[in-house]
C-alpha cells in the first residue's frame, strides 16, 4: 500500500493530534507528581553547612589573595570575549564557525554542534564556563580536603545538569527529530517520561533498559542449578556440575545484596557461574532476600550468623567437607572480612581461602562514594529508615547513577524524553535497574560503623561480644580490584587486604566495578596487573606490577585450584537432608516488596 501523501494539511492534522496527546499526558504527569512520596530533604543534596563552608572559603580567598580571584575572572571574561569576536569574524568572512579547539565530548557528537553557529557558540561557551568553575573550586585553598572534594563533586553535578545538550531548545539532534516527525518524537518522549514517573510513585528514575526484553530464569540467569536450602535471609543455590570430576573443596559466592546475584550469570558467554562450573568446581551461590519493613531490626550480626555462617555450614554438610572456599563481592566482601575476623576469634577454620571482588575493609579513602558518607546524608538516611524500617532501592540506585550522571542519567534521559526512543534491550542495564531494598539496622550500622567511623580497619568493631581485628585473619586471601572503580577505590581494597596476616594475592583489573569483574576470557577485552612482591603501598605495587593481557579469571582460578583439593566425582545438587526446593535462580530473586 503506498504511503500517505505528505501535505501541509496532513502535517497540521498530525500536529494537532500530537498536541491533544500532549495535553492528556501532561494531566497524567501532573497527577503522578502530586502522588510523589514525601521527600526527605536531607537525601536530596548536601546540607547547608557545606554551602556555607564553600562560600566562606571563597570569601577568604578574595580577602587574602584578591589577585588570584581577579585573574580567574579576567581569564574567563577574556576567553568569552575572544570567543564572541572569533565567531563574529568567522561569520563576516563567510565562514560558519571559528575553529573548535575543545576536546572530544560524547555529549556533543552531533555534527551540528560543530557546523552550526548557534549550537557551536553555546557549546563552546558552556565548556569554557565549566572550566572556569572547575578552576575556581580548585583554588579554594581555605577549604579542607574532604569539603573540597564534596564541593567539587556537587558542583560538577550542577555543571553536568546545565549542559546545553540537556535542553530541547539547545539540542540540535532533538530539535531536528521533532521537526522531522511533526512533534511525534516529543509525544513519545513525554509518554516515556510519564511512564517512568508513574512507575516510581512520582519520583523520576530513567528506565535504562527495556523492562520487557528480559526475564530472569528465561533469557538471563539461566545456568542450571537448584535451591537446596533457604531461610529468611537467603536461598542457597547449588549449580549442576558440567564436568565429570570436581575439586573436593566446594566454592561459595556471596554476592552483594544491593543488587541481585545474576550479574555473575547474565548470559552464557559472560557468566562467571557457568565458567566456574566448567573449571570443575562444586559451586554454591547465595541469593539474598529483598527485605521489607519486617526486616527493620536485621543488622550486621544477622547477616553474619543467619547469612554467612549458616550458608557455610550448610555447604559443608551437603558436600561432607570440613572447609569451603569463599568469595565476597562488593559489600558482601566487606562482610566476608567481618566473618573471617570473627571466625579467627572463635577458632573456626571453615574457610580454606577467601577471595574478594571489588571489596573494601578499610574506608579511610572510599573513593567517589565518600561524598555521600558524611553526617548530612547519614542523618537523612537514618531518618528515612526510622520511618520506613528499610531503605528503598530507589535511593541507592539514584546515588550510584549520579556517580556517572552523564552516562546513567542525562544521556539516557535525552534519548528517552527528548528523542522519544525506547530504552534498549541491554542485559547489564536491566540488572542495574533490578535493585533491592536494604534493611534498616543494617544500613545504619554499615554506614556509621564501617564507612564513617572505619571501625573494622581500626580493630574497633564489635560483633557478638568479640572485638574484631583484620590482623587476626591468617586465611589465604586474594583480592581483585578494578582500576577505574568509582564505588570501591582499588587503593582502598589494597589497604584492607594488606591488614590480613595470611598469604595475600592482589590482582588489579582494568575497567570499573562491573566491567572489570564480568570480564570473561573469551572476550580478551580488559587486561590485569599482577605483582608477587611484598605488598607495601598501592603505588609501589602498581609501579612494579606486570601487565597481563586478557581476563584475570584464569589467573585467579590457578590460585584457587591450588587451595581446592584433589578431584572427586561430580556432585549433583542437594542430598538426603537437603532436597531440591526449586530450580535456580530461585524465587527470592524475583521478589519485589511493595512500598
Protein backbone atom coordinates (compact mmCIF):
# COMPACT_ATOMS: atom_id res chain seq x y z
CA UNK A 1 0.00 0.00 0.00
CA UNK A 2 1.52 3.38 -0.96
CA UNK A 3 2.43 5.71 1.90
CA UNK A 4 0.04 8.56 2.63
CA UNK A 5 0.91 11.74 0.75
CA UNK A 6 2.50 14.40 2.97
CA UNK A 7 0.69 17.73 2.60
CA UNK A 8 0.58 20.91 4.73
CA UNK A 9 -2.96 19.93 5.72
CA UNK A 10 -1.82 16.46 6.73
CA UNK A 11 1.05 17.95 8.76
CA UNK A 12 -1.36 20.23 10.61
CA UNK A 13 -3.67 17.29 11.31
CA UNK A 14 -0.82 15.20 12.76
CA UNK A 15 0.46 18.13 14.78
CA UNK A 16 -2.97 18.83 16.27
CA UNK A 17 -3.39 15.18 17.26
CA UNK A 18 0.02 15.26 18.90
CA UNK A 19 -0.88 18.41 20.79
CA UNK A 20 -4.04 16.72 22.08
CA UNK A 21 -1.99 13.72 23.17
CA UNK A 22 0.48 16.02 24.93
CA UNK A 23 -2.38 17.59 26.89
CA UNK A 24 -3.59 14.17 28.10
CA UNK A 25 -0.08 13.08 29.02
CA UNK A 26 0.56 16.34 30.85
CA UNK A 27 -2.52 15.77 33.00
CA UNK A 28 -1.26 12.27 33.84
CA UNK A 29 2.17 13.65 34.65
CA UNK A 30 0.77 16.32 36.98
CA UNK A 31 -1.42 13.73 38.71
CA UNK A 32 1.52 11.38 39.19
CA UNK A 33 3.79 14.12 40.52
CA UNK A 34 1.08 15.03 43.03
CA UNK A 35 1.26 11.48 44.41
CA UNK A 36 5.02 11.64 44.96
CA UNK A 37 6.19 10.26 48.27
CA UNK A 38 7.09 12.91 50.82
CA UNK A 39 10.67 13.95 50.17
CA UNK A 40 13.36 13.64 52.78
CA UNK A 41 15.22 16.85 52.00
CA UNK A 42 18.36 15.54 53.69
CA UNK A 43 18.64 12.96 50.89
CA UNK A 44 18.15 15.45 48.07
CA UNK A 45 21.52 17.16 48.43
CA UNK A 46 24.29 18.07 50.86
CA UNK A 47 23.48 20.03 54.00
CA UNK A 48 23.56 23.83 54.10
CA UNK A 49 26.76 23.71 56.11
CA UNK A 50 28.73 22.64 53.04
CA UNK A 51 27.46 25.61 51.03
CA UNK A 52 28.36 27.94 53.87
CA UNK A 53 31.87 26.50 54.08
CA UNK A 54 32.35 26.90 50.33
CA UNK A 55 31.11 30.50 50.41
CA UNK A 56 33.32 31.30 53.40
CA UNK A 57 36.34 29.75 51.70
CA UNK A 58 35.73 31.79 48.54
CA UNK A 59 35.29 34.99 50.55
CA UNK A 60 38.50 34.21 52.43
CA UNK A 61 40.33 33.78 49.11
CA UNK A 62 39.01 37.13 47.94
CA UNK A 63 40.24 38.85 51.11
CA UNK A 64 43.66 37.20 51.35
CA UNK A 65 44.51 36.77 47.69
CA UNK A 66 42.33 39.08 45.58
CA UNK A 67 44.72 38.98 42.64
CA UNK A 68 44.15 35.25 42.19
CA UNK A 69 40.37 35.67 42.10
CA UNK A 70 40.65 38.63 39.76
CA UNK A 71 43.00 36.69 37.50
CA UNK A 72 40.49 33.82 37.28
CA UNK A 73 37.66 36.22 36.43
CA UNK A 74 39.65 38.18 33.87
CA UNK A 75 40.81 34.96 32.23
CA UNK A 76 37.20 33.76 31.92
CA UNK A 77 35.97 37.10 30.61
CA UNK A 78 38.83 37.25 28.15
CA UNK A 79 38.12 33.78 26.76
CA UNK A 80 34.43 34.59 26.42
CA UNK A 81 35.07 37.87 24.58
CA UNK A 82 37.67 36.32 22.29
CA UNK A 83 35.23 33.53 21.50
CA UNK A 84 32.48 36.05 20.65
CA UNK A 85 34.86 38.08 18.49
CA UNK A 86 36.09 34.96 16.68
CA UNK A 87 32.50 33.90 15.99
CA UNK A 88 31.64 37.33 14.57
CA UNK A 89 34.79 37.41 12.43
CA UNK A 90 34.04 33.95 11.05
CA UNK A 91 30.51 34.95 10.05
CA UNK A 92 31.75 38.19 8.50
CA UNK A 93 34.31 36.23 6.45
CA UNK A 94 31.65 33.86 5.21
CA UNK A 95 32.78 31.02 7.42
CA UNK A 96 30.24 29.20 9.54
CA UNK A 97 32.08 28.89 12.84
CA UNK A 98 35.54 29.61 14.24
CA UNK A 99 37.97 26.74 14.71
CA UNK A 100 36.85 24.50 17.56
CA UNK A 101 39.70 23.68 19.97
CA UNK A 102 37.61 21.81 22.53
CA UNK A 103 38.37 18.20 23.37
CA UNK A 104 36.03 15.47 22.05
CA UNK A 105 32.94 15.09 24.22
CA UNK A 106 30.31 12.40 23.69
CA UNK A 107 27.55 14.83 24.64
CA UNK A 108 28.33 16.90 21.53
CA UNK A 109 28.93 14.27 18.88
CA UNK A 110 26.19 15.52 16.55
CA UNK A 111 27.82 17.37 13.64
CA UNK A 112 25.65 20.47 14.17
CA UNK A 113 27.48 21.18 17.44
CA UNK A 114 30.48 21.97 15.23
CA UNK A 115 28.95 23.23 11.99
CA UNK A 116 26.06 25.45 13.16
CA UNK A 117 26.97 28.92 14.52
CA UNK A 118 24.32 28.91 17.27
CA UNK A 119 24.95 25.42 18.62
CA UNK A 120 28.72 25.74 18.30
CA UNK A 121 28.69 29.02 20.21
CA UNK A 122 26.66 27.79 23.17
CA UNK A 123 28.64 24.55 23.30
CA UNK A 124 31.99 26.31 23.48
CA UNK A 125 30.66 28.89 25.94
CA UNK A 126 29.36 26.10 28.17
CA UNK A 127 32.70 24.29 28.09
CA UNK A 128 34.58 27.50 28.96
CA UNK A 129 32.18 28.20 31.83
CA UNK A 130 32.58 24.63 33.10
CA UNK A 131 36.34 25.00 33.04
CA UNK A 132 36.16 28.31 34.91
CA UNK A 133 34.02 26.79 37.67
CA UNK A 134 36.47 23.91 38.00
CA UNK A 135 39.41 26.30 38.32
CA UNK A 136 37.54 28.35 40.94
CA UNK A 137 36.92 25.28 43.10
CA UNK A 138 40.47 24.09 42.60
CA UNK A 139 41.65 27.40 44.01
CA UNK A 140 39.70 27.16 47.30
CA UNK A 141 42.80 26.75 49.45
CA UNK A 142 40.93 27.61 52.66
CA UNK A 143 38.68 24.54 52.41
CA UNK A 144 39.77 21.24 53.95
CA UNK A 145 40.33 18.26 51.64
CA UNK A 146 37.06 16.45 52.46
CA UNK A 147 34.87 19.51 51.99
CA UNK A 148 36.75 20.49 48.84
CA UNK A 149 36.17 17.06 47.32
CA UNK A 150 32.46 17.33 48.12
CA UNK A 151 32.16 20.86 46.72
CA UNK A 152 33.89 19.71 43.55
CA UNK A 153 31.57 16.70 43.17
CA UNK A 154 28.31 18.57 43.73
CA UNK A 155 29.46 21.50 41.58
CA UNK A 156 30.13 19.02 38.77
CA UNK A 157 26.60 17.73 39.24
CA UNK A 158 25.25 21.22 38.60
CA UNK A 159 27.62 21.79 35.68
CA UNK A 160 26.62 18.49 34.08
CA UNK A 161 22.95 19.28 34.59
CA UNK A 162 23.32 22.62 32.79
CA UNK A 163 24.81 21.14 29.62
CA UNK A 164 23.04 22.60 26.56
CA UNK A 165 22.56 19.02 25.35
CA UNK A 166 20.08 18.52 28.22
CA UNK A 167 17.60 21.13 26.96
CA UNK A 168 15.35 20.86 23.93
CA UNK A 169 15.92 24.43 22.76
CA UNK A 170 19.69 23.90 22.57
CA UNK A 171 19.89 20.27 21.45
CA UNK A 172 20.15 20.18 17.65
CA UNK A 173 19.52 16.47 17.32
CA UNK A 174 16.32 16.57 19.37
CA UNK A 175 15.06 19.64 17.50
CA UNK A 176 15.76 18.05 14.13
CA UNK A 177 13.86 14.93 15.10
CA UNK A 178 10.92 16.92 16.46
CA UNK A 179 10.63 18.78 13.17
CA UNK A 180 11.06 15.65 11.07
CA UNK A 181 8.33 13.79 12.98
CA UNK A 182 5.83 16.66 13.36
CA UNK A 183 6.35 16.54 17.10
CA UNK A 184 5.81 12.77 17.38
CA UNK A 185 9.23 12.30 19.00
CA UNK A 186 8.25 14.74 21.74
CA UNK A 187 4.95 12.96 22.29
CA UNK A 188 6.77 9.63 22.52
CA UNK A 189 9.28 11.21 24.89
CA UNK A 190 6.54 12.57 27.11
CA UNK A 191 4.96 9.12 27.20
CA UNK A 192 8.30 7.70 28.33
CA UNK A 193 8.59 10.39 30.99
CA UNK A 194 5.08 9.78 32.32
CA UNK A 195 5.72 6.03 32.38
CA UNK A 196 8.87 6.47 34.47
CA UNK A 197 7.32 8.93 36.90
CA UNK A 198 4.25 6.73 37.40
CA UNK A 199 6.44 3.66 37.89
CA UNK A 200 8.41 5.41 40.64
CA UNK A 201 5.49 6.88 42.59
CA UNK A 202 6.02 10.43 41.42
CA UNK A 203 9.82 10.41 41.52
CA UNK A 204 11.98 10.44 38.40
CA UNK A 205 14.23 7.50 37.58
CA UNK A 206 15.14 6.97 33.95
CA UNK A 207 14.41 3.50 32.61
CA UNK A 208 17.77 2.36 31.24
CA UNK A 209 16.74 -0.92 29.65
CA UNK A 210 13.63 -2.36 28.03
CA UNK A 211 11.79 -3.92 31.02
CA UNK A 212 10.08 -6.46 28.77
CA UNK A 213 13.20 -7.70 26.99
CA UNK A 214 14.41 -9.98 29.78
CA UNK A 215 13.01 -12.46 32.21
CA UNK A 216 15.15 -13.86 35.00
CA UNK A 217 15.47 -17.60 34.56
CA UNK A 218 14.36 -17.43 30.92
CA UNK A 219 16.94 -15.45 28.96
CA UNK A 220 19.23 -14.27 31.77
CA UNK A 221 20.36 -16.16 34.90
CA UNK A 222 19.84 -19.46 33.11
CA UNK A 223 22.69 -21.64 34.44
CA UNK A 224 21.26 -24.94 35.66
CA UNK A 225 21.11 -25.43 39.38
CA UNK A 226 18.82 -25.96 42.35
CA UNK A 227 17.86 -24.21 45.56
CA UNK A 228 18.94 -26.67 48.26
CA UNK A 229 18.43 -24.57 51.40
CA UNK A 230 16.64 -21.41 52.43
CA UNK A 231 15.89 -19.35 55.49
CA UNK A 232 14.52 -15.84 55.97
CA UNK A 233 17.81 -14.28 54.80
CA UNK A 234 18.77 -16.19 51.65
CA UNK A 235 18.31 -19.07 49.29
CA UNK A 236 21.34 -21.32 48.72
CA UNK A 237 21.76 -22.37 45.08
CA UNK A 238 23.92 -25.34 44.14
CA UNK A 239 24.77 -25.36 40.44
CA UNK A 240 24.71 -28.52 38.39
CA UNK A 241 28.18 -29.86 37.51
CA UNK A 242 29.34 -29.64 33.91
CA UNK A 243 32.45 -31.79 34.33
CA UNK A 244 32.86 -35.43 35.26
CA UNK A 245 35.08 -34.60 38.22
CA UNK A 246 35.24 -31.60 40.53
CA UNK A 247 37.56 -30.22 43.17
CA UNK A 248 37.00 -31.67 46.61
CA UNK A 249 36.62 -28.33 48.38
CA UNK A 250 33.43 -26.51 47.32
CA UNK A 251 33.23 -22.86 46.31
CA UNK A 252 30.58 -20.48 47.64
CA UNK A 253 29.97 -16.98 46.28
CA UNK A 254 28.40 -14.26 48.42
CA UNK A 255 27.14 -11.51 46.08
CA UNK A 256 26.18 -8.01 47.26
CA UNK A 257 22.60 -7.57 48.44
CA UNK A 258 22.29 -4.10 46.92
CA UNK A 259 21.61 -5.78 43.55
CA UNK A 260 20.80 -9.34 42.53
CA UNK A 261 23.42 -12.10 42.17
CA UNK A 262 22.76 -12.68 38.47
CA UNK A 263 25.31 -10.06 37.44
CA UNK A 264 27.51 -13.17 37.55
CA UNK A 265 25.14 -15.07 35.25
CA UNK A 266 23.75 -12.59 32.72
CA UNK A 267 24.24 -14.81 29.70
CA UNK A 268 26.20 -17.89 28.76
CA UNK A 269 29.19 -16.16 27.18
CA UNK A 270 29.96 -13.89 30.17
CA UNK A 271 28.68 -15.98 33.09
CA UNK A 272 31.24 -16.40 35.85
CA UNK A 273 28.93 -19.02 37.34
CA UNK A 274 28.92 -21.10 34.17
CA UNK A 275 32.67 -20.64 33.74
CA UNK A 276 33.44 -21.72 37.32
CA UNK A 277 31.45 -24.94 36.98
CA UNK A 278 33.26 -25.62 33.69
CA UNK A 279 36.57 -25.40 35.59
CA UNK A 280 35.50 -28.25 37.84
CA UNK A 281 34.10 -26.58 40.98
CA UNK A 282 31.10 -27.53 43.06
CA UNK A 283 29.61 -24.05 43.07
CA UNK A 284 27.14 -22.57 45.53
CA UNK A 285 25.74 -19.03 45.26
CA UNK A 286 23.74 -17.13 47.86
CA UNK A 287 20.60 -15.34 46.65
CA UNK A 288 19.73 -12.76 49.30
CA UNK A 289 16.22 -11.82 50.34
CA UNK A 290 14.85 -8.45 49.20
CA UNK A 291 13.85 -7.01 52.61
CA UNK A 292 10.78 -5.01 53.53
CA UNK A 293 9.74 -3.27 56.75
CA UNK A 294 9.58 -6.60 58.61
CA UNK A 295 13.39 -6.71 58.38
CA UNK A 296 13.85 -3.39 60.18
CA UNK A 297 15.86 -4.92 63.02
CA UNK A 298 18.12 -7.06 60.80
CA UNK A 299 21.70 -5.87 61.18
CA UNK A 300 25.28 -6.92 60.54
CA UNK A 301 25.11 -9.63 63.20
CA UNK A 302 22.08 -11.18 61.46
CA UNK A 303 23.79 -11.20 58.06
CA UNK A 304 26.85 -12.87 59.59
CA UNK A 305 25.03 -15.51 61.66
CA UNK A 306 21.91 -16.27 59.60
CA UNK A 307 23.68 -15.47 56.35
CA UNK A 308 27.40 -16.19 56.03
CA UNK A 309 27.91 -18.69 58.85
CA UNK A 310 24.70 -20.57 58.08
CA UNK A 311 25.46 -20.79 54.35
CA UNK A 312 28.99 -22.05 55.03
CA UNK A 313 27.66 -24.62 57.48
CA UNK A 314 25.07 -25.93 55.02
CA UNK A 315 27.61 -26.20 52.18
CA UNK A 316 29.90 -28.21 54.46
CA UNK A 317 27.04 -30.56 55.28
CA UNK A 318 25.96 -31.03 51.67
CA UNK A 319 29.48 -31.74 50.40
CA UNK A 320 30.67 -33.54 53.55
CA UNK A 321 33.73 -31.30 53.65
CA UNK A 322 35.27 -29.53 56.68
CA UNK A 323 36.17 -26.42 54.67
CA UNK A 324 34.94 -24.23 51.83
CA UNK A 325 36.46 -21.59 49.60
CA UNK A 326 34.51 -18.33 49.78
CA UNK A 327 34.08 -15.29 47.53
CA UNK A 328 32.66 -11.94 48.64
CA UNK A 329 31.67 -9.32 46.05
CA UNK A 330 31.48 -5.61 46.98
CA UNK A 331 29.53 -5.11 50.23
CA UNK A 332 29.47 -8.88 50.71
CA UNK A 333 33.26 -8.79 50.56
CA UNK A 334 33.26 -6.32 53.44
CA UNK A 335 31.01 -8.68 55.37
CA UNK A 336 33.21 -11.65 54.46
CA UNK A 337 36.09 -9.75 56.09
CA UNK A 338 33.96 -9.37 59.23
CA UNK A 339 33.10 -13.06 59.14
CA UNK A 340 36.77 -14.06 58.76
CA UNK A 341 37.78 -11.83 61.67
CA UNK A 342 35.01 -13.28 63.83
CA UNK A 343 35.90 -16.86 62.89
CA UNK A 344 39.54 -16.14 63.76
CA UNK A 345 38.42 -15.02 67.23
CA UNK A 346 36.46 -18.21 67.90
CA UNK A 347 38.94 -20.55 66.21
CA UNK A 348 36.66 -21.58 63.33
CA UNK A 349 38.72 -22.66 60.30
CA UNK A 350 35.84 -23.49 57.97
CA UNK A 351 37.09 -21.15 55.24
CA UNK A 352 40.08 -22.59 53.39
CA UNK A 353 40.61 -19.46 51.26
CA UNK A 354 38.80 -16.18 50.71
CA UNK A 355 38.51 -14.08 47.55
CA UNK A 356 37.30 -10.50 47.41
CA UNK A 357 35.81 -8.86 44.33
CA UNK A 358 35.99 -5.03 44.49
CA UNK A 359 35.56 -5.01 48.26
CA UNK A 360 36.59 -2.55 50.96
CA UNK A 361 37.53 -3.33 54.53
CA UNK A 362 39.41 -0.05 55.03
CA UNK A 363 37.24 3.02 54.41
CA UNK A 364 39.86 5.68 55.09
CA UNK A 365 39.62 6.56 51.37
CA UNK A 366 36.35 5.18 49.96
CA UNK A 367 36.68 6.98 46.63
CA UNK A 368 33.85 8.88 44.94
CA UNK A 369 31.15 7.45 47.19
CA UNK A 370 32.84 9.28 50.06
CA UNK A 371 30.97 12.48 49.14
CA UNK A 372 27.81 10.82 50.46
CA UNK A 373 29.43 9.32 53.57
CA UNK A 374 29.18 12.45 55.69
CA UNK A 375 26.92 13.43 58.56
CA UNK A 376 24.34 15.35 56.49
CA UNK A 377 23.47 12.38 54.27
CA UNK A 378 23.85 9.81 57.08
CA UNK A 379 21.40 11.75 59.26
CA UNK A 380 18.96 11.80 56.35
CA UNK A 381 19.27 8.05 55.77
CA UNK A 382 18.83 7.40 59.47
CA UNK A 383 15.60 9.41 59.48
CA UNK A 384 14.37 7.59 56.35
CA UNK A 385 14.87 4.09 57.74
CA UNK A 386 13.47 5.12 61.13
CA UNK A 387 10.18 6.00 59.45
CA UNK A 388 10.07 3.13 56.90
CA UNK A 389 12.07 0.31 58.51
CA UNK A 390 14.22 -0.07 55.40
CA UNK A 391 15.96 1.99 52.72
CA UNK A 392 14.09 1.82 49.46
CA UNK A 393 16.14 0.66 46.46
CA UNK A 394 15.41 4.00 44.72
CA UNK A 395 17.94 5.86 46.87
CA UNK A 396 20.88 3.53 46.25
CA UNK A 397 20.16 3.36 42.52
CA UNK A 398 19.99 7.14 42.31
CA UNK A 399 23.23 7.55 44.27
CA UNK A 400 25.22 5.20 42.05
CA UNK A 401 23.67 6.67 38.90
CA UNK A 402 24.81 10.19 39.78
CA UNK A 403 28.38 9.00 40.20
CA UNK A 404 28.22 8.71 36.40
CA UNK A 405 25.44 11.19 35.69
CA UNK A 406 26.18 11.85 32.01
CA UNK A 407 26.17 8.14 31.19
CA UNK A 408 23.44 6.90 33.53
CA UNK A 409 21.10 9.90 33.91
CA UNK A 410 21.33 12.68 31.33
CA UNK A 411 22.36 10.65 28.29
CA UNK A 412 19.53 8.12 28.71
CA UNK A 413 17.07 10.92 29.59
CA UNK A 414 17.88 12.75 26.35
CA UNK A 415 17.28 9.64 24.28
CA UNK A 416 14.12 8.67 26.11
CA UNK A 417 12.40 12.01 26.83
CA UNK A 418 13.69 14.35 24.10
CA UNK A 419 14.25 11.89 21.24
CA UNK A 420 11.31 9.64 22.12
CA UNK A 421 13.39 6.46 21.83
CA UNK A 422 12.50 3.22 23.55
CA UNK A 423 15.10 2.03 26.08
CA UNK A 424 17.50 -0.57 24.64
CA UNK A 425 17.40 -4.30 25.34
CA UNK A 426 20.61 -4.31 27.41
CA UNK A 427 21.00 -7.07 29.99
CA UNK A 428 23.55 -5.22 32.14
CA UNK A 429 21.35 -2.14 32.42
CA UNK A 430 18.33 -4.36 33.10
CA UNK A 431 20.22 -5.87 36.05
CA UNK A 432 21.30 -2.40 37.15
CA UNK A 433 17.65 -1.39 37.45
CA UNK A 434 16.67 -4.55 39.34
CA UNK A 435 17.72 -3.21 42.72
CA UNK A 436 16.88 -4.30 46.25
CA UNK A 437 15.90 -2.63 49.49
CA UNK A 438 18.24 -2.55 52.48
CA UNK A 439 17.12 -3.49 55.98
CA UNK A 440 17.02 -0.60 58.43
CA UNK A 441 19.51 -1.51 61.14
CA UNK A 442 21.99 -2.89 58.61
CA UNK A 443 22.08 0.38 56.67
CA UNK A 444 22.83 2.47 59.74
CA UNK A 445 25.40 0.07 61.17
CA UNK A 446 27.21 -0.32 57.86
CA UNK A 447 27.34 3.40 57.11
CA UNK A 448 28.10 4.58 60.64
CA UNK A 449 30.44 1.84 61.86
CA UNK A 450 32.25 0.89 58.66
CA UNK A 451 32.08 3.78 56.22
CA UNK A 452 32.06 6.76 58.59
CA UNK A 453 33.99 5.56 61.65
CA UNK A 454 36.11 2.91 59.85
CA UNK A 455 35.83 0.67 62.94
CA UNK A 456 36.69 -2.56 61.14
CA UNK A 457 40.02 -1.28 59.84
CA UNK A 458 40.87 0.25 63.21
CA UNK A 459 40.21 -3.02 65.04
CA UNK A 460 37.36 -1.42 66.99
CA UNK A 461 34.31 -3.19 65.54
CA UNK A 462 32.41 -5.38 67.99
CA UNK A 463 30.31 -8.34 66.90
CA UNK A 464 28.59 -10.91 69.10
CA UNK A 465 30.70 -9.86 72.07
CA UNK A 466 34.01 -10.00 70.17
CA UNK A 467 36.16 -7.03 69.21
CA UNK A 468 37.37 -7.85 65.72
CA UNK A 469 40.67 -7.14 64.02
CA UNK A 470 41.63 -7.86 60.41
CA UNK A 471 45.11 -8.60 61.71
CA UNK A 472 43.79 -11.79 63.31
CA UNK A 473 42.93 -13.28 59.89
CA UNK A 474 45.52 -15.81 58.69
CA UNK A 475 43.39 -17.35 55.93
CA UNK A 476 44.95 -17.27 52.42
CA UNK A 477 43.29 -14.37 50.62
CA UNK A 478 43.08 -12.99 47.10
CA UNK A 479 41.59 -9.61 46.19
CA UNK A 480 40.56 -8.47 42.73
CA UNK A 481 40.16 -4.71 42.46
CA UNK A 482 39.37 -2.57 39.42
CA UNK A 483 41.47 0.30 38.17
CA UNK A 484 38.69 2.81 37.46
CA UNK A 485 36.23 1.60 40.11
CA UNK A 486 34.16 4.56 41.32
CA UNK A 487 32.41 2.60 44.07
CA UNK A 488 35.29 0.72 45.74
CA UNK A 489 38.56 2.53 45.10
CA UNK A 490 41.28 -0.01 44.31
CA UNK A 491 43.78 1.61 46.68
CA UNK A 492 41.28 1.10 49.50
CA UNK A 493 40.83 -2.54 48.55
CA UNK A 494 44.63 -2.92 48.65
CA UNK A 495 44.84 -1.29 52.10
CA UNK A 496 42.18 -3.58 53.58
CA UNK A 497 43.74 -6.75 52.19
CA UNK A 498 47.14 -5.68 53.44
CA UNK A 499 45.95 -5.87 57.05
CA UNK A 500 45.39 -9.63 56.87
CA UNK A 501 48.23 -11.73 58.24
CA UNK A 502 47.86 -14.77 55.99
CA UNK A 503 49.24 -15.26 52.47
CA UNK A 504 47.91 -12.46 50.23
CA UNK A 505 47.49 -12.08 46.47
CA UNK A 506 46.35 -8.87 44.82
CA UNK A 507 45.11 -8.56 41.22
CA UNK A 508 44.22 -5.25 39.60
CA UNK A 509 41.86 -5.46 36.64
CA UNK A 510 41.39 -2.77 34.06
CA UNK A 511 37.99 -1.02 33.87
CA UNK A 512 35.40 -0.47 36.60
CA UNK A 513 33.26 -2.02 39.30
CA UNK A 514 31.24 -4.26 36.98
CA UNK A 515 33.09 -4.50 33.65
CA UNK A 516 36.36 -5.24 35.42
CA UNK A 517 34.82 -8.24 37.18
CA UNK A 518 32.46 -9.53 34.47
CA UNK A 519 35.38 -9.90 32.07
CA UNK A 520 35.39 -13.44 30.61
CA UNK A 521 38.50 -14.86 28.92
CA UNK A 522 36.72 -15.29 25.58
CA UNK A 523 36.34 -11.51 25.16
CA UNK A 524 40.02 -10.62 25.63
CA UNK A 525 38.90 -7.06 26.38
CA UNK A 526 40.41 -5.83 29.63
CA UNK A 527 43.81 -6.82 30.95
CA UNK A 528 45.06 -7.03 34.54
CA UNK A 529 48.12 -6.35 36.68
CA UNK A 530 49.92 -8.79 38.97
CA UNK A 531 52.89 -8.44 41.29
CA UNK A 532 54.39 -11.16 43.50
CA UNK A 533 56.45 -8.71 45.54
CA UNK A 534 55.61 -7.95 49.14
CA UNK A 535 52.61 -5.65 49.48
CA UNK A 536 53.81 -2.33 50.86
CA UNK A 537 51.83 0.50 49.27
CA UNK A 538 49.41 0.71 46.33
CA UNK A 539 51.69 2.97 44.30
CA UNK A 540 54.76 0.81 44.85
CA UNK A 541 52.78 -2.31 43.97
CA UNK A 542 51.43 -0.76 40.76
CA UNK A 543 54.84 0.60 39.73
CA UNK A 544 56.37 -2.87 39.96
CA UNK A 545 53.41 -4.79 38.56
CA UNK A 546 53.33 -6.82 35.37
CA UNK A 547 50.57 -6.13 32.87
CA UNK A 548 48.78 -9.23 31.57
CA UNK A 549 46.56 -9.14 28.50
CA UNK A 550 43.06 -10.50 28.88
CA UNK A 551 40.88 -11.59 31.76
CA UNK A 552 42.08 -12.19 35.30
CA UNK A 553 39.73 -15.19 35.64
CA UNK A 554 42.29 -17.87 34.62
CA UNK A 555 44.94 -16.30 36.86
CA UNK A 556 42.58 -16.39 39.84
CA UNK A 557 41.46 -19.94 39.02
CA UNK A 558 45.08 -21.07 39.08
CA UNK A 559 45.39 -19.59 42.58
CA UNK A 560 42.07 -21.11 43.66
CA UNK A 561 42.72 -24.60 42.30
CA UNK A 562 45.83 -24.96 44.48
CA UNK A 563 43.57 -24.49 47.51
CA UNK A 564 40.69 -26.67 46.36
CA UNK A 565 41.95 -30.19 46.96
CA UNK A 566 42.02 -33.29 44.79
CA UNK A 567 39.49 -34.10 42.08
CA UNK A 568 36.47 -36.23 43.05
CA UNK A 569 33.35 -37.38 41.22
CA UNK A 570 30.98 -34.53 40.44
CA UNK A 571 28.20 -33.88 42.95
CA UNK A 572 24.59 -33.44 41.99
CA UNK A 573 22.71 -30.66 43.82
CA UNK A 574 21.47 -31.39 47.33
CA UNK A 575 21.47 -34.55 49.41
CA UNK A 576 19.07 -36.58 51.54
CA UNK A 577 18.83 -33.86 54.17
CA UNK A 578 18.83 -31.06 51.59
CA UNK A 579 16.21 -31.97 48.97
CA UNK A 580 15.80 -29.66 46.00
CA UNK A 581 13.35 -26.87 46.85
CA UNK A 582 13.09 -25.34 43.37
CA UNK A 583 15.18 -24.73 40.29
CA UNK A 584 17.71 -21.94 40.01
CA UNK A 585 17.64 -18.96 40.05
CA UNK A 586 15.03 -19.43 42.78
CA UNK A 587 12.12 -17.30 43.90
CA UNK A 588 13.89 -14.82 46.21
CA UNK A 589 15.49 -13.16 43.20
CA UNK A 590 12.07 -12.43 41.71
CA UNK A 591 10.56 -10.95 44.87
CA UNK A 592 9.89 -7.20 44.78
CA UNK A 593 8.39 -5.92 48.04
CA UNK A 594 5.92 -3.11 47.56
CA UNK A 595 6.18 0.18 49.42
